[in-house]
């Protein structure tokens, strides 16, 4: 059985903490996602790339969860047509939330830069 790397666990924790911070700071227009990505980047450590990845994922994970729930609920409630409509709305939701993911990426890159 393979051992889990410590970095992989801390990366997942960093993404979850960044997501929670993004939910808590959503009312601050531009600075909120940057600060949440910054927190995720500092927790992830490992340089700019790792911090930017954690910040981006913390910004997009909410939209991915909502898109999956919309597609699943639409399919369960209204069959294949509902699933198709739920998927279309989910794709639009993901596209609309890319600004939060990009701002989280910027904050995560700065956080990763400060915690190499």
PDB file of N, CA and C in Angstrom:
ATOM      1  N   UNK A   1       0.847  -1.183   0.000  1.00  0.00           N
ATOM      2  CA  UNK A   1       0.000   0.000   0.000  1.00  0.00           C
ATOM      3  C   UNK A   1       0.889   1.242   0.000  1.00  0.00           C
ATOM      4  N   UNK A   2       0.597   2.166  -0.870  1.00  0.00           N
ATOM      5  CA  UNK A   2       1.425   3.363  -1.000  1.00  0.00           C
ATOM      6  C   UNK A   2       1.098   4.355   0.107  1.00  0.00           C
ATOM      7  N   UNK A   3       2.142   5.003   0.587  1.00  0.00           N
ATOM      8  CA  UNK A   3       1.947   6.023   1.612  1.00  0.00           C
ATOM      9  C   UNK A   3       1.514   7.330   0.965  1.00  0.00           C
ATOM     10  N   UNK A   4       0.678   8.072   1.668  1.00  0.00           N
ATOM     11  CA  UNK A   4       0.263   9.378   1.172  1.00  0.00           C
ATOM     12  C   UNK A   4       1.369  10.387   1.450  1.00  0.00           C
ATOM     13  N   UNK A   5       1.600  11.243   0.485  1.00  0.00           N
ATOM     14  CA  UNK A   5       2.573  12.299   0.680  1.00  0.00           C
ATOM     15  C   UNK A   5       1.960  13.395   1.538  1.00  0.00           C
ATOM     16  N   UNK A   6       2.779  13.975   2.381  1.00  0.00           N
ATOM     17  CA  UNK A   6       2.293  15.044   3.233  1.00  0.00           C
ATOM     18  C   UNK A   6       1.859  16.250   2.403  1.00  0.00           C
ATOM     19  N   UNK A   7       2.578  16.543   1.322  1.00  0.00           N
ATOM     20  CA  UNK A   7       2.247  17.679   0.471  1.00  0.00           C
ATOM     21  C   UNK A   7       0.882  17.553  -0.175  1.00  0.00           C
ATOM     22  N   UNK A   8       0.495  16.324  -0.543  1.00  0.00           N
ATOM     23  CA  UNK A   8      -0.806  16.124  -1.181  1.00  0.00           C
ATOM     24  C   UNK A   8      -1.937  16.413  -0.206  1.00  0.00           C
ATOM     25  N   UNK A   9      -1.763  16.007   1.032  1.00  0.00           N
ATOM     26  CA  UNK A   9      -2.799  16.264   2.030  1.00  0.00           C
ATOM     27  C   UNK A   9      -2.888  17.757   2.307  1.00  0.00           C
ATOM     28  N   UNK A  10      -1.755  18.419   2.458  1.00  0.00           N
ATOM     29  CA  UNK A  10      -1.797  19.841   2.758  1.00  0.00           C
ATOM     30  C   UNK A  10      -2.331  20.644   1.565  1.00  0.00           C
ATOM     31  N   UNK A  11      -2.137  20.140   0.333  1.00  0.00           N
ATOM     32  CA  UNK A  11      -2.682  20.829  -0.837  1.00  0.00           C
ATOM     33  C   UNK A  11      -4.205  20.778  -0.816  1.00  0.00           C
ATOM     34  N   UNK A  12      -4.760  19.623  -0.520  1.00  0.00           N
ATOM     35  CA  UNK A  12      -6.224  19.489  -0.457  1.00  0.00           C
ATOM     36  C   UNK A  12      -6.781  20.361   0.663  1.00  0.00           C
ATOM     37  N   UNK A  13      -6.111  20.358   1.799  1.00  0.00           N
ATOM     38  CA  UNK A  13      -6.549  21.199   2.911  1.00  0.00           C
ATOM     39  C   UNK A  13      -6.464  22.670   2.525  1.00  0.00           C
ATOM     40  N   UNK A  14      -5.404  23.047   1.813  1.00  0.00           N
ATOM     41  CA  UNK A  14      -5.251  24.435   1.374  1.00  0.00           C
ATOM     42  C   UNK A  14      -6.380  24.839   0.430  1.00  0.00           C
ATOM     43  N   UNK A  15      -6.763  23.948  -0.469  1.00  0.00           N
ATOM     44  CA  UNK A  15      -7.854  24.249  -1.403  1.00  0.00           C
ATOM     45  C   UNK A  15      -9.172  24.397  -0.646  1.00  0.00           C
ATOM     46  N   UNK A  16      -9.422  23.522   0.312  1.00  0.00           N
ATOM     47  CA  UNK A  16     -10.666  23.598   1.090  1.00  0.00           C
ATOM     48  C   UNK A  16     -10.703  24.876   1.925  1.00  0.00           C
ATOM     49  N   UNK A  17      -9.576  25.203   2.563  1.00  0.00           N
ATOM     50  CA  UNK A  17      -9.523  26.436   3.356  1.00  0.00           C
ATOM     51  C   UNK A  17      -9.709  27.656   2.455  1.00  0.00           C
ATOM     52  N   UNK A  18      -9.095  27.638   1.279  1.00  0.00           N
ATOM     53  CA  UNK A  18      -9.276  28.736   0.333  1.00  0.00           C
ATOM     54  C   UNK A  18     -10.717  28.867  -0.127  1.00  0.00           C
ATOM     55  N   UNK A  19     -11.377  27.730  -0.353  1.00  0.00           N
ATOM     56  CA  UNK A  19     -12.786  27.754  -0.757  1.00  0.00           C
ATOM     57  C   UNK A  19     -13.662  28.335   0.348  1.00  0.00           C
ATOM     58  N   UNK A  20     -13.431  27.892   1.582  1.00  0.00           N
ATOM     59  CA  UNK A  20     -14.210  28.413   2.712  1.00  0.00           C
ATOM     60  C   UNK A  20     -13.958  29.912   2.880  1.00  0.00           C
ATOM     61  N   UNK A  21     -12.698  30.323   2.734  1.00  0.00           N
ATOM     62  CA  UNK A  21     -12.383  31.756   2.829  1.00  0.00           C
ATOM     63  C   UNK A  21     -13.060  32.536   1.708  1.00  0.00           C
ATOM     64  N   UNK A  22     -13.133  31.939   0.523  1.00  0.00           N
ATOM     65  CA  UNK A  22     -13.780  32.624  -0.598  1.00  0.00           C
ATOM     66  C   UNK A  22     -15.280  32.783  -0.337  1.00  0.00           C
ATOM     67  N   UNK A  23     -15.888  31.781   0.266  1.00  0.00           N
ATOM     68  CA  UNK A  23     -17.312  31.885   0.610  1.00  0.00           C
ATOM     69  C   UNK A  23     -17.517  32.959   1.677  1.00  0.00           C
ATOM     70  N   UNK A  24     -16.621  33.003   2.658  1.00  0.00           N
ATOM     71  CA  UNK A  24     -16.753  33.969   3.745  1.00  0.00           C
ATOM     72  C   UNK A  24     -16.471  35.410   3.289  1.00  0.00           C
ATOM     73  N   UNK A  25     -15.585  35.572   2.300  1.00  0.00           N
ATOM     74  CA  UNK A  25     -15.186  36.909   1.853  1.00  0.00           C
ATOM     75  C   UNK A  25     -15.831  37.315   0.530  1.00  0.00           C
ATOM     76  N   UNK A  26     -16.911  36.645   0.137  1.00  0.00           N
ATOM     77  CA  UNK A  26     -17.516  36.922  -1.166  1.00  0.00           C
ATOM     78  C   UNK A  26     -18.070  38.337  -1.284  1.00  0.00           C
ATOM     79  N   UNK A  27     -18.365  38.979  -0.169  1.00  0.00           N
ATOM     80  CA  UNK A  27     -18.966  40.305  -0.215  1.00  0.00           C
ATOM     81  C   UNK A  27     -17.950  41.409  -0.525  1.00  0.00           C
ATOM     82  N   UNK A  28     -16.653  41.102  -0.487  1.00  0.00           N
ATOM     83  CA  UNK A  28     -15.627  42.075  -0.863  1.00  0.00           C
ATOM     84  C   UNK A  28     -15.331  41.854  -2.347  1.00  0.00           C
ATOM     85  N   UNK A  29     -15.682  42.794  -3.223  1.00  0.00           N
ATOM     86  CA  UNK A  29     -15.705  42.537  -4.664  1.00  0.00           C
ATOM     87  C   UNK A  29     -14.451  41.932  -5.277  1.00  0.00           C
ATOM     88  N   UNK A  30     -13.315  42.559  -5.227  1.00  0.00           N
ATOM     89  CA  UNK A  30     -12.126  42.036  -5.894  1.00  0.00           C
ATOM     90  C   UNK A  30     -11.134  41.491  -4.881  1.00  0.00           C
ATOM     91  N   UNK A  31     -11.042  42.142  -3.758  1.00  0.00           N
ATOM     92  CA  UNK A  31     -10.052  41.773  -2.752  1.00  0.00           C
ATOM     93  C   UNK A  31     -10.376  40.451  -2.059  1.00  0.00           C
ATOM     94  N   UNK A  32     -11.655  40.107  -1.937  1.00  0.00           N
ATOM     95  CA  UNK A  32     -12.047  38.867  -1.266  1.00  0.00           C
ATOM     96  C   UNK A  32     -11.471  37.615  -1.912  1.00  0.00           C
ATOM     97  N   UNK A  33     -11.678  37.410  -3.222  1.00  0.00           N
ATOM     98  CA  UNK A  33     -11.091  36.231  -3.867  1.00  0.00           C
ATOM     99  C   UNK A  33      -9.564  36.239  -3.864  1.00  0.00           C
ATOM    100  N   UNK A  34      -8.964  37.430  -3.957  1.00  0.00           N
ATOM    101  CA  UNK A  34      -7.502  37.496  -3.919  1.00  0.00           C
ATOM    102  C   UNK A  34      -6.995  37.081  -2.546  1.00  0.00           C
ATOM    103  N   UNK A  35      -7.650  37.556  -1.481  1.00  0.00           N
ATOM    104  CA  UNK A  35      -7.232  37.175  -0.129  1.00  0.00           C
ATOM    105  C   UNK A  35      -7.448  35.687   0.130  1.00  0.00           C
ATOM    106  N   UNK A  36      -8.544  35.145  -0.374  1.00  0.00           N
ATOM    107  CA  UNK A  36      -8.797  33.710  -0.203  1.00  0.00           C
ATOM    108  C   UNK A  36      -7.759  32.886  -0.953  1.00  0.00           C
ATOM    109  N   UNK A  37      -7.429  33.288  -2.165  1.00  0.00           N
ATOM    110  CA  UNK A  37      -6.381  32.606  -2.912  1.00  0.00           C
ATOM    111  C   UNK A  37      -5.032  32.751  -2.242  1.00  0.00           C
ATOM    112  N   UNK A  38      -4.784  33.914  -1.644  1.00  0.00           N
ATOM    113  CA  UNK A  38      -3.547  34.150  -0.907  1.00  0.00           C
ATOM    114  C   UNK A  38      -3.423  33.176   0.260  1.00  0.00           C
ATOM    115  N   UNK A  39      -4.524  33.000   0.997  1.00  0.00           N
ATOM    116  CA  UNK A  39      -4.513  32.049   2.116  1.00  0.00           C
ATOM    117  C   UNK A  39      -4.262  30.630   1.621  1.00  0.00           C
ATOM    118  N   UNK A  40      -4.900  30.258   0.518  1.00  0.00           N
ATOM    119  CA  UNK A  40      -4.686  28.919  -0.038  1.00  0.00           C
ATOM    120  C   UNK A  40      -3.250  28.748  -0.510  1.00  0.00           C
ATOM    121  N   UNK A  41      -2.678  29.790  -1.111  1.00  0.00           N
ATOM    122  CA  UNK A  41      -1.302  29.721  -1.593  1.00  0.00           C
ATOM    123  C   UNK A  41      -0.300  29.597  -0.475  1.00  0.00           C
ATOM    124  N   UNK A  42      -0.525  30.316   0.613  1.00  0.00           N
ATOM    125  CA  UNK A  42       0.386  30.214   1.755  1.00  0.00           C
ATOM    126  C   UNK A  42       0.300  28.827   2.373  1.00  0.00           C
ATOM    127  N   UNK A  43      -0.906  28.300   2.523  1.00  0.00           N
ATOM    128  CA  UNK A  43      -1.053  26.968   3.116  1.00  0.00           C
ATOM    129  C   UNK A  43      -0.494  25.876   2.218  1.00  0.00           C
ATOM    130  N   UNK A  44      -0.651  26.018   0.919  1.00  0.00           N
ATOM    131  CA  UNK A  44      -0.151  24.998  -0.003  1.00  0.00           C
ATOM    132  C   UNK A  44       1.368  24.989  -0.035  1.00  0.00           C
ATOM    133  N   UNK A  45       1.978  26.174   0.008  1.00  0.00           N
ATOM    134  CA  UNK A  45       3.439  26.258  -0.048  1.00  0.00           C
ATOM    135  C   UNK A  45       3.970  25.686  -1.354  1.00  0.00           C
ATOM    136  N   UNK A  46       5.260  25.461  -1.420  1.00  0.00           N
ATOM    137  CA  UNK A  46       5.839  24.804  -2.581  1.00  0.00           C
ATOM    138  C   UNK A  46       6.082  25.695  -3.775  1.00  0.00           C
ATOM    139  N   UNK A  47       6.002  26.989  -3.618  1.00  0.00           N
ATOM    140  CA  UNK A  47       6.313  27.884  -4.713  1.00  0.00           C
ATOM    141  C   UNK A  47       5.089  28.478  -5.387  1.00  0.00           C
ATOM    142  N   UNK A  48       5.384  29.246  -6.418  1.00  0.00           N
ATOM    143  CA  UNK A  48       4.344  30.006  -7.118  1.00  0.00           C
ATOM    144  C   UNK A  48       3.346  29.087  -7.819  1.00  0.00           C
ATOM    145  N   UNK A  49       3.844  28.038  -8.488  1.00  0.00           N
ATOM    146  CA  UNK A  49       2.949  27.164  -9.258  1.00  0.00           C
ATOM    147  C   UNK A  49       1.949  26.448  -8.356  1.00  0.00           C
ATOM    148  N   UNK A  50       2.442  25.926  -7.255  1.00  0.00           N
ATOM    149  CA  UNK A  50       1.562  25.200  -6.331  1.00  0.00           C
ATOM    150  C   UNK A  50       0.554  26.145  -5.674  1.00  0.00           C
ATOM    151  N   UNK A  51       1.010  27.333  -5.287  1.00  0.00           N
ATOM    152  CA  UNK A  51       0.104  28.313  -4.691  1.00  0.00           C
ATOM    153  C   UNK A  51      -0.953  28.786  -5.672  1.00  0.00           C
ATOM    154  N   UNK A  52      -0.532  29.010  -6.928  1.00  0.00           N
ATOM    155  CA  UNK A  52      -1.487  29.437  -7.949  1.00  0.00           C
ATOM    156  C   UNK A  52      -2.517  28.347  -8.224  1.00  0.00           C
ATOM    157  N   UNK A  53      -2.075  27.096  -8.231  1.00  0.00           N
ATOM    158  CA  UNK A  53      -3.013  25.982  -8.440  1.00  0.00           C
ATOM    159  C   UNK A  53      -4.025  25.900  -7.310  1.00  0.00           C
ATOM    160  N   UNK A  54      -3.553  26.048  -6.073  1.00  0.00           N
ATOM    161  CA  UNK A  54      -4.463  26.000  -4.927  1.00  0.00           C
ATOM    162  C   UNK A  54      -5.448  27.158  -4.974  1.00  0.00           C
ATOM    163  N   UNK A  55      -4.987  28.349  -5.325  1.00  0.00           N
ATOM    164  CA  UNK A  55      -5.879  29.505  -5.419  1.00  0.00           C
ATOM    165  C   UNK A  55      -6.915  29.349  -6.513  1.00  0.00           C
ATOM    166  N   UNK A  56      -6.488  28.829  -7.678  1.00  0.00           N
ATOM    167  CA  UNK A  56      -7.422  28.626  -8.787  1.00  0.00           C
ATOM    168  C   UNK A  56      -8.479  27.589  -8.425  1.00  0.00           C
ATOM    169  N   UNK A  57      -8.041  26.472  -7.861  1.00  0.00           N
ATOM    170  CA  UNK A  57      -9.002  25.425  -7.502  1.00  0.00           C
ATOM    171  C   UNK A  57      -9.957  25.881  -6.412  1.00  0.00           C
ATOM    172  N   UNK A  58      -9.471  26.684  -5.465  1.00  0.00           N
ATOM    173  CA  UNK A  58     -10.377  27.169  -4.425  1.00  0.00           C
ATOM    174  C   UNK A  58     -11.417  28.126  -5.004  1.00  0.00           C
ATOM    175  N   UNK A  59     -11.092  28.783  -6.104  1.00  0.00           N
ATOM    176  CA  UNK A  59     -12.058  29.678  -6.733  1.00  0.00           C
ATOM    177  C   UNK A  59     -13.058  28.981  -7.625  1.00  0.00           C
ATOM    178  N   UNK A  60     -12.697  27.841  -8.184  1.00  0.00           N
ATOM    179  CA  UNK A  60     -13.568  27.177  -9.157  1.00  0.00           C
ATOM    180  C   UNK A  60     -14.350  26.014  -8.534  1.00  0.00           C
ATOM    181  N   UNK A  61     -13.945  25.548  -7.357  1.00  0.00           N
ATOM    182  CA  UNK A  61     -14.551  24.344  -6.782  1.00  0.00           C
ATOM    183  C   UNK A  61     -16.039  24.538  -6.473  1.00  0.00           C
ATOM    184  N   UNK A  62     -16.419  25.725  -6.045  1.00  0.00           N
ATOM    185  CA  UNK A  62     -17.834  25.973  -5.763  1.00  0.00           C
ATOM    186  C   UNK A  62     -18.697  25.868  -7.005  1.00  0.00           C
ATOM    187  N   UNK A  63     -18.208  26.410  -8.105  1.00  0.00           N
ATOM    188  CA  UNK A  63     -18.955  26.331  -9.359  1.00  0.00           C
ATOM    189  C   UNK A  63     -19.028  24.895  -9.857  1.00  0.00           C
ATOM    190  N   UNK A  64     -17.953  24.136  -9.678  1.00  0.00           N
ATOM    191  CA  UNK A  64     -17.976  22.729 -10.091  1.00  0.00           C
ATOM    192  C   UNK A  64     -18.983  21.926  -9.272  1.00  0.00           C
ATOM    193  N   UNK A  65     -19.022  22.182  -7.963  1.00  0.00           N
ATOM    194  CA  UNK A  65     -20.006  21.493  -7.116  1.00  0.00           C
ATOM    195  C   UNK A  65     -21.435  21.868  -7.513  1.00  0.00           C
ATOM    196  N   UNK A  66     -21.669  23.156  -7.733  1.00  0.00           N
ATOM    197  CA  UNK A  66     -23.010  23.599  -8.120  1.00  0.00           C
ATOM    198  C   UNK A  66     -23.412  23.035  -9.480  1.00  0.00           C
ATOM    199  N   UNK A  67     -22.464  22.981 -10.426  1.00  0.00           N
ATOM    200  CA  UNK A  67     -22.771  22.433 -11.750  1.00  0.00           C
ATOM    201  C   UNK A  67     -23.126  20.955 -11.656  1.00  0.00           C
ATOM    202  N   UNK A  68     -22.392  20.214 -10.852  1.00  0.00           N
ATOM    203  CA  UNK A  68     -22.705  18.797 -10.667  1.00  0.00           C
ATOM    204  C   UNK A  68     -24.060  18.588 -10.018  1.00  0.00           C
ATOM    205  N   UNK A  69     -24.365  19.410  -9.026  1.00  0.00           N
ATOM    206  CA  UNK A  69     -25.671  19.303  -8.370  1.00  0.00           C
ATOM    207  C   UNK A  69     -26.811  19.668  -9.317  1.00  0.00           C
ATOM    208  N   UNK A  70     -26.621  20.702 -10.126  1.00  0.00           N
ATOM    209  CA  UNK A  70     -27.664  21.088 -11.082  1.00  0.00           C
ATOM    210  C   UNK A  70     -27.916  19.997 -12.114  1.00  0.00           C
ATOM    211  N   UNK A  71     -26.838  19.432 -12.642  1.00  0.00           N
ATOM    212  CA  UNK A  71     -26.997  18.381 -13.645  1.00  0.00           C
ATOM    213  C   UNK A  71     -27.640  17.138 -13.035  1.00  0.00           C
ATOM    214  N   UNK A  72     -27.195  16.766 -11.846  1.00  0.00           N
ATOM    215  CA  UNK A  72     -27.757  15.585 -11.191  1.00  0.00           C
ATOM    216  C   UNK A  72     -29.208  15.774 -10.796  1.00  0.00           C
ATOM    217  N   UNK A  73     -29.515  16.921 -10.202  1.00  0.00           N
ATOM    218  CA  UNK A  73     -30.894  17.180  -9.784  1.00  0.00           C
ATOM    219  C   UNK A  73     -31.816  17.311 -10.988  1.00  0.00           C
ATOM    220  N   UNK A  74     -31.332  17.965 -12.037  1.00  0.00           N
ATOM    221  CA  UNK A  74     -32.150  18.086 -13.246  1.00  0.00           C
ATOM    222  C   UNK A  74     -32.436  16.734 -13.860  1.00  0.00           C
ATOM    223  N   UNK A  75     -31.434  15.867 -13.883  1.00  0.00           N
ATOM    224  CA  UNK A  75     -31.622  14.524 -14.434  1.00  0.00           C
ATOM    225  C   UNK A  75     -32.559  13.681 -13.598  1.00  0.00           C
ATOM    226  N   UNK A  76     -32.457  13.801 -12.278  1.00  0.00           N
ATOM    227  CA  UNK A  76     -33.332  13.018 -11.405  1.00  0.00           C
ATOM    228  C   UNK A  76     -34.778  13.502 -11.454  1.00  0.00           C
ATOM    229  N   UNK A  77     -34.957  14.803 -11.512  1.00  0.00           N
ATOM    230  CA  UNK A  77     -36.308  15.347 -11.443  1.00  0.00           C
ATOM    231  C   UNK A  77     -37.039  15.356 -12.786  1.00  0.00           C
ATOM    232  N   UNK A  78     -36.302  15.643 -13.889  1.00  0.00           N
ATOM    233  CA  UNK A  78     -36.965  15.810 -15.174  1.00  0.00           C
ATOM    234  C   UNK A  78     -36.378  14.958 -16.288  1.00  0.00           C
ATOM    235  N   UNK A  79     -35.637  13.945 -15.950  1.00  0.00           N
ATOM    236  CA  UNK A  79     -35.114  13.043 -16.976  1.00  0.00           C
ATOM    237  C   UNK A  79     -33.937  13.631 -17.735  1.00  0.00           C
ATOM    238  N   UNK A  80     -33.729  13.117 -18.933  1.00  0.00           N
ATOM    239  CA  UNK A  80     -32.549  13.530 -19.696  1.00  0.00           C
ATOM    240  C   UNK A  80     -32.603  14.989 -20.115  1.00  0.00           C
ATOM    241  N   UNK A  81     -33.816  15.508 -20.361  1.00  0.00           N
ATOM    242  CA  UNK A  81     -33.930  16.922 -20.732  1.00  0.00           C
ATOM    243  C   UNK A  81     -33.536  17.825 -19.562  1.00  0.00           C
ATOM    244  N   UNK A  82     -33.972  17.454 -18.384  1.00  0.00           N
ATOM    245  CA  UNK A  82     -33.591  18.220 -17.195  1.00  0.00           C
ATOM    246  C   UNK A  82     -32.099  18.144 -16.922  1.00  0.00           C
ATOM    247  N   UNK A  83     -31.522  16.963 -17.153  1.00  0.00           N
ATOM    248  CA  UNK A  83     -30.079  16.824 -16.993  1.00  0.00           C
ATOM    249  C   UNK A  83     -29.316  17.676 -17.983  1.00  0.00           C
ATOM    250  N   UNK A  84     -29.826  17.738 -19.210  1.00  0.00           N
ATOM    251  CA  UNK A  84     -29.186  18.563 -20.241  1.00  0.00           C
ATOM    252  C   UNK A  84     -29.284  20.047 -19.898  1.00  0.00           C
ATOM    253  N   UNK A  85     -30.446  20.475 -19.445  1.00  0.00           N
ATOM    254  CA  UNK A  85     -30.621  21.878 -19.058  1.00  0.00           C
ATOM    255  C   UNK A  85     -29.769  22.198 -17.829  1.00  0.00           C
ATOM    256  N   UNK A  86     -29.745  21.290 -16.858  1.00  0.00           N
ATOM    257  CA  UNK A  86     -28.901  21.490 -15.678  1.00  0.00           C
ATOM    258  C   UNK A  86     -27.427  21.571 -16.032  1.00  0.00           C
ATOM    259  N   UNK A  87     -26.995  20.742 -16.983  1.00  0.00           N
ATOM    260  CA  UNK A  87     -25.605  20.786 -17.428  1.00  0.00           C
ATOM    261  C   UNK A  87     -25.297  22.103 -18.125  1.00  0.00           C
ATOM    262  N   UNK A  88     -26.216  22.578 -18.967  1.00  0.00           N
ATOM    263  CA  UNK A  88     -26.005  23.853 -19.665  1.00  0.00           C
ATOM    264  C   UNK A  88     -25.905  25.010 -18.674  1.00  0.00           C
ATOM    265  N   UNK A  89     -26.779  25.024 -17.686  1.00  0.00           N
ATOM    266  CA  UNK A  89     -26.725  26.074 -16.668  1.00  0.00           C
ATOM    267  C   UNK A  89     -25.435  25.957 -15.862  1.00  0.00           C
ATOM    268  N   UNK A  90     -25.004  24.728 -15.584  1.00  0.00           N
ATOM    269  CA  UNK A  90     -23.755  24.517 -14.858  1.00  0.00           C
ATOM    270  C   UNK A  90     -22.543  25.023 -15.619  1.00  0.00           C
ATOM    271  N   UNK A  91     -22.526  24.808 -16.927  1.00  0.00           N
ATOM    272  CA  UNK A  91     -21.414  25.305 -17.750  1.00  0.00           C
ATOM    273  C   UNK A  91     -21.388  26.833 -17.743  1.00  0.00           C
ATOM    274  N   UNK A  92     -22.551  27.451 -17.818  1.00  0.00           N
ATOM    275  CA  UNK A  92     -22.626  28.914 -17.750  1.00  0.00           C
ATOM    276  C   UNK A  92     -22.151  29.403 -16.385  1.00  0.00           C
ATOM    277  N   UNK A  93     -22.524  28.697 -15.333  1.00  0.00           N
ATOM    278  CA  UNK A  93     -22.099  29.053 -13.982  1.00  0.00           C
ATOM    279  C   UNK A  93     -20.585  28.948 -13.827  1.00  0.00           C
ATOM    280  N   UNK A  94     -19.996  27.901 -14.393  1.00  0.00           N
ATOM    281  CA  UNK A  94     -18.536  27.743 -14.336  1.00  0.00           C
ATOM    282  C   UNK A  94     -17.855  28.875 -15.092  1.00  0.00           C
ATOM    283  N   UNK A  95     -18.376  29.215 -16.271  1.00  0.00           N
ATOM    284  CA  UNK A  95     -17.787  30.308 -17.052  1.00  0.00           C
ATOM    285  C   UNK A  95     -17.895  31.637 -16.310  1.00  0.00           C
ATOM    286  N   UNK A  96     -19.014  31.860 -15.634  1.00  0.00           N
ATOM    287  CA  UNK A  96     -19.197  33.111 -14.904  1.00  0.00           C
ATOM    288  C   UNK A  96     -18.293  33.192 -13.682  1.00  0.00           C
ATOM    289  N   UNK A  97     -17.959  32.060 -13.086  1.00  0.00           N
ATOM    290  CA  UNK A  97     -17.132  32.085 -11.879  1.00  0.00           C
ATOM    291  C   UNK A  97     -15.641  32.039 -12.182  1.00  0.00           C
ATOM    292  N   UNK A  98     -15.273  32.038 -13.446  1.00  0.00           N
ATOM    293  CA  UNK A  98     -13.849  32.036 -13.785  1.00  0.00           C
ATOM    294  C   UNK A  98     -13.136  33.286 -13.290  1.00  0.00           C
ATOM    295  N   UNK A  99     -13.836  34.402 -13.150  1.00  0.00           N
ATOM    296  CA  UNK A  99     -13.190  35.610 -12.640  1.00  0.00           C
ATOM    297  C   UNK A  99     -12.726  35.391 -11.203  1.00  0.00           C
ATOM    298  N   UNK A 100     -13.536  34.687 -10.392  1.00  0.00           N
ATOM    299  CA  UNK A 100     -13.120  34.383  -9.027  1.00  0.00           C
ATOM    300  C   UNK A 100     -11.931  33.435  -9.018  1.00  0.00           C
ATOM    301  N   UNK A 101     -11.936  32.485  -9.937  1.00  0.00           N
ATOM    302  CA  UNK A 101     -10.824  31.543 -10.012  1.00  0.00           C
ATOM    303  C   UNK A 101      -9.539  32.247 -10.435  1.00  0.00           C
ATOM    304  N   UNK A 102      -9.643  33.187 -11.368  1.00  0.00           N
ATOM    305  CA  UNK A 102      -8.449  33.910 -11.817  1.00  0.00           C
ATOM    306  C   UNK A 102      -7.932  34.827 -10.715  1.00  0.00           C
ATOM    307  N   UNK A 103      -8.825  35.493 -10.002  1.00  0.00           N
ATOM    308  CA  UNK A 103      -8.387  36.317  -8.875  1.00  0.00           C
ATOM    309  C   UNK A 103      -7.786  35.453  -7.770  1.00  0.00           C
ATOM    310  N   UNK A 104      -8.364  34.275  -7.538  1.00  0.00           N
ATOM    311  CA  UNK A 104      -7.781  33.341  -6.576  1.00  0.00           C
ATOM    312  C   UNK A 104      -6.421  32.850  -7.021  1.00  0.00           C
ATOM    313  N   UNK A 105      -6.256  32.658  -8.325  1.00  0.00           N
ATOM    314  CA  UNK A 105      -4.964  32.253  -8.877  1.00  0.00           C
ATOM    315  C   UNK A 105      -3.908  33.320  -8.610  1.00  0.00           C
ATOM    316  N   UNK A 106      -4.265  34.579  -8.796  1.00  0.00           N
ATOM    317  CA  UNK A 106      -3.320  35.671  -8.545  1.00  0.00           C
ATOM    318  C   UNK A 106      -2.927  35.700  -7.067  1.00  0.00           C
ATOM    319  N   UNK A 107      -3.919  35.632  -6.187  1.00  0.00           N
ATOM    320  CA  UNK A 107      -3.623  35.617  -4.753  1.00  0.00           C
ATOM    321  C   UNK A 107      -2.828  34.393  -4.345  1.00  0.00           C
ATOM    322  N   UNK A 108      -3.152  33.240  -4.930  1.00  0.00           N
ATOM    323  CA  UNK A 108      -2.419  32.016  -4.615  1.00  0.00           C
ATOM    324  C   UNK A 108      -0.979  32.067  -5.078  1.00  0.00           C
ATOM    325  N   UNK A 109      -0.737  32.696  -6.226  1.00  0.00           N
ATOM    326  CA  UNK A 109       0.639  32.834  -6.717  1.00  0.00           C
ATOM    327  C   UNK A 109       1.458  33.710  -5.781  1.00  0.00           C
ATOM    328  N   UNK A 110       0.860  34.794  -5.298  1.00  0.00           N
ATOM    329  CA  UNK A 110       1.570  35.661  -4.355  1.00  0.00           C
ATOM    330  C   UNK A 110       1.806  34.922  -3.037  1.00  0.00           C
ATOM    331  N   UNK A 111       0.800  34.188  -2.564  1.00  0.00           N
ATOM    332  CA  UNK A 111       0.972  33.410  -1.337  1.00  0.00           C
ATOM    333  C   UNK A 111       2.022  32.324  -1.481  1.00  0.00           C
ATOM    334  N   UNK A 112       2.040  31.651  -2.621  1.00  0.00           N
ATOM    335  CA  UNK A 112       3.059  30.634  -2.864  1.00  0.00           C
ATOM    336  C   UNK A 112       4.448  31.228  -2.981  1.00  0.00           C
ATOM    337  N   UNK A 113       4.525  32.458  -3.483  1.00  0.00           N
ATOM    338  CA  UNK A 113       5.807  33.153  -3.580  1.00  0.00           C
ATOM    339  C   UNK A 113       6.355  33.471  -2.191  1.00  0.00           C
ATOM    340  N   UNK A 114       5.460  33.807  -1.270  1.00  0.00           N
ATOM    341  CA  UNK A 114       5.895  34.129   0.086  1.00  0.00           C
ATOM    342  C   UNK A 114       6.193  32.897   0.927  1.00  0.00           C
ATOM    343  N   UNK A 115       5.685  31.724   0.534  1.00  0.00           N
ATOM    344  CA  UNK A 115       5.939  30.481   1.272  1.00  0.00           C
ATOM    345  C   UNK A 115       6.488  29.435   0.305  1.00  0.00           C
ATOM    346  N   UNK A 116       7.771  29.528  -0.048  1.00  0.00           N
ATOM    347  CA  UNK A 116       8.324  28.606  -1.064  1.00  0.00           C
ATOM    348  C   UNK A 116       8.446  27.190  -0.603  1.00  0.00           C
TER     349      UNK A 116
END
